[in-house]
Amino acid sequence: MQILEEIKISDNGFVFNAHTGESFSLNPMGLEIIKMIAANFDFDELKKTILEKYDVDDLTFEKDFYEFSTMLKHHQLTQQGNPLDFV
């Protein structure tokens, strides 16, 4: 999964899609995850980082990440593909 080039992400969690004109606000964990996706972290690196930093178990992280990545795709912030498919 890759964040589209026209997506702008601020350090305070504001996300702007220049293609659609829509904007979104992310909480701190969502901001951290979207920045890791934009930095081309693979799924295992991303998961390891979040599990070390936050009090969350594997299953909960994977479920929440799948929902989050599906939301990113729905709002046209990422390229199409499987949410767990990082290239």
C-alpha atoms as a PDB file:
ATOM      1  CA  MET A   1       0.000   0.000   0.000  1.00  0.00           C
ATOM      2  CA  GLN A   2       1.215   3.483  -0.779  1.00  0.00           C
ATOM      3  CA  ILE A   3      -0.118   6.900   0.086  1.00  0.00           C
ATOM      4  CA  LEU A   4      -0.958   8.765  -3.127  1.00  0.00           C
ATOM      5  CA  GLU A   5       1.378  11.570  -4.136  1.00  0.00           C
ATOM      6  CA  GLU A   6      -1.336  14.240  -4.017  1.00  0.00           C
ATOM      7  CA  ILE A   7      -2.062  13.526  -0.325  1.00  0.00           C
ATOM      8  CA  LYS A   8      -0.604  16.089   2.052  1.00  0.00           C
ATOM      9  CA  ILE A   9      -0.100  15.210   5.720  1.00  0.00           C
ATOM     10  CA  SER A  10       0.649  17.829   8.371  1.00  0.00           C
ATOM     11  CA  ASP A  11       2.504  17.176  11.613  1.00  0.00           C
ATOM     12  CA  ASN A  12      -0.659  17.852  13.631  1.00  0.00           C
ATOM     13  CA  GLY A  13      -2.745  15.147  11.939  1.00  0.00           C
ATOM     14  CA  PHE A  14      -4.444  17.135   9.205  1.00  0.00           C
ATOM     15  CA  VAL A  15      -4.676  15.162   5.938  1.00  0.00           C
ATOM     16  CA  PHE A  16      -5.645  16.861   2.684  1.00  0.00           C
ATOM     17  CA  ASN A  17      -6.500  15.103  -0.580  1.00  0.00           C
ATOM     18  CA  ALA A  18      -5.674  17.611  -3.321  1.00  0.00           C
ATOM     19  CA  HIS A  19      -7.456  15.463  -5.910  1.00  0.00           C
ATOM     20  CA  THR A  20     -10.864  15.437  -4.168  1.00  0.00           C
ATOM     21  CA  GLY A  21     -10.539  18.535  -1.972  1.00  0.00           C
ATOM     22  CA  GLU A  22     -11.460  16.519   1.126  1.00  0.00           C
ATOM     23  CA  SER A  23      -9.633  16.853   4.423  1.00  0.00           C
ATOM     24  CA  PHE A  24      -9.439  14.636   7.476  1.00  0.00           C
ATOM     25  CA  SER A  25      -8.072  14.757  10.997  1.00  0.00           C
ATOM     26  CA  LEU A  26      -6.185  11.833  12.504  1.00  0.00           C
ATOM     27  CA  ASN A  27      -5.476  10.996  16.110  1.00  0.00           C
ATOM     28  CA  PRO A  28      -1.785  10.630  17.100  1.00  0.00           C
ATOM     29  CA  MET A  29      -1.649   6.876  16.412  1.00  0.00           C
ATOM     30  CA  GLY A  30      -3.380   7.275  13.035  1.00  0.00           C
ATOM     31  CA  LEU A  31      -0.913  10.022  12.141  1.00  0.00           C
ATOM     32  CA  GLU A  32       2.022   7.835  13.125  1.00  0.00           C
ATOM     33  CA  ILE A  33       0.707   4.925  11.049  1.00  0.00           C
ATOM     34  CA  ILE A  34      -0.030   6.997   7.936  1.00  0.00           C
ATOM     35  CA  LYS A  35       3.452   8.540   8.127  1.00  0.00           C
ATOM     36  CA  MET A  36       4.993   5.055   8.351  1.00  0.00           C
ATOM     37  CA  ILE A  37       2.966   3.958   5.318  1.00  0.00           C
ATOM     38  CA  ALA A  38       4.107   7.087   3.455  1.00  0.00           C
ATOM     39  CA  ALA A  39       7.713   6.270   4.450  1.00  0.00           C
ATOM     40  CA  ASN A  40       7.300   2.825   2.859  1.00  0.00           C
ATOM     41  CA  PHE A  41       7.485   0.801   6.061  1.00  0.00           C
ATOM     42  CA  ASP A  42       6.489  -2.765   5.335  1.00  0.00           C
ATOM     43  CA  PHE A  43       3.679  -4.295   7.386  1.00  0.00           C
ATOM     44  CA  ASP A  44       6.009  -6.212   9.732  1.00  0.00           C
ATOM     45  CA  GLU A  45       8.085  -3.087  10.510  1.00  0.00           C
ATOM     46  CA  LEU A  46       4.960  -1.027  11.100  1.00  0.00           C
ATOM     47  CA  LYS A  47       3.384  -3.676  13.318  1.00  0.00           C
ATOM     48  CA  LYS A  48       6.569  -4.151  15.356  1.00  0.00           C
ATOM     49  CA  THR A  49       6.920  -0.401  15.906  1.00  0.00           C
ATOM     50  CA  ILE A  50       3.323   0.015  17.077  1.00  0.00           C
ATOM     51  CA  LEU A  51       3.365  -3.078  19.310  1.00  0.00           C
ATOM     52  CA  GLU A  52       6.559  -1.871  21.018  1.00  0.00           C
ATOM     53  CA  LYS A  53       5.258   1.658  21.537  1.00  0.00           C
ATOM     54  CA  TYR A  54       1.624   1.056  22.498  1.00  0.00           C
ATOM     55  CA  ASP A  55      -0.169  -1.365  24.799  1.00  0.00           C
ATOM     56  CA  VAL A  56      -1.930  -3.400  22.116  1.00  0.00           C
ATOM     57  CA  ASP A  57      -1.905  -7.101  21.247  1.00  0.00           C
ATOM     58  CA  ASP A  58      -1.232  -8.584  17.787  1.00  0.00           C
ATOM     59  CA  LEU A  59      -4.827  -9.476  16.961  1.00  0.00           C
ATOM     60  CA  THR A  60      -6.244  -6.098  18.006  1.00  0.00           C
ATOM     61  CA  PHE A  61      -3.575  -4.250  16.035  1.00  0.00           C
ATOM     62  CA  GLU A  62      -4.189  -6.297  12.885  1.00  0.00           C
ATOM     63  CA  LYS A  63      -7.967  -5.831  13.104  1.00  0.00           C
ATOM     64  CA  ASP A  64      -7.698  -2.088  13.740  1.00  0.00           C
ATOM     65  CA  PHE A  65      -5.026  -1.660  11.065  1.00  0.00           C
ATOM     66  CA  TYR A  66      -7.168  -3.463   8.505  1.00  0.00           C
ATOM     67  CA  GLU A  67     -10.107  -1.157   9.308  1.00  0.00           C
ATOM     68  CA  PHE A  68      -7.868   1.935   9.183  1.00  0.00           C
ATOM     69  CA  SER A  69      -6.280   0.963   5.867  1.00  0.00           C
ATOM     70  CA  THR A  70      -9.710   0.169   4.409  1.00  0.00           C
ATOM     71  CA  MET A  71     -10.832   3.660   5.437  1.00  0.00           C
ATOM     72  CA  LEU A  72      -7.757   5.173   3.760  1.00  0.00           C
ATOM     73  CA  LYS A  73      -8.583   3.341   0.548  1.00  0.00           C
ATOM     74  CA  HIS A  74     -12.266   4.312   0.753  1.00  0.00           C
ATOM     75  CA  HIS A  75     -11.329   7.994   0.982  1.00  0.00           C
ATOM     76  CA  GLN A  76      -8.930   7.623  -1.972  1.00  0.00           C
ATOM     77  CA  LEU A  77      -5.790   8.274   0.058  1.00  0.00           C
ATOM     78  CA  THR A  78      -3.974   5.109  -1.049  1.00  0.00           C
ATOM     79  CA  GLN A  79      -3.423   3.119  -4.186  1.00  0.00           C
ATOM     80  CA  GLN A  80      -5.810   0.230  -4.688  1.00  0.00           C
ATOM     81  CA  GLY A  81      -4.830  -3.158  -3.347  1.00  0.00           C
ATOM     82  CA  ASN A  82      -5.015  -5.367  -0.299  1.00  0.00           C
ATOM     83  CA  PRO A  83      -4.632  -3.306   2.926  1.00  0.00           C
ATOM     84  CA  LEU A  84      -2.011  -5.768   4.173  1.00  0.00           C
ATOM     85  CA  ASP A  85      -0.124  -5.725   0.869  1.00  0.00           C
ATOM     86  CA  PHE A  86       2.846  -3.373   1.230  1.00  0.00           C
ATOM     87  CA  VAL A  87       5.144  -2.761  -1.727  1.00  0.00           C
END
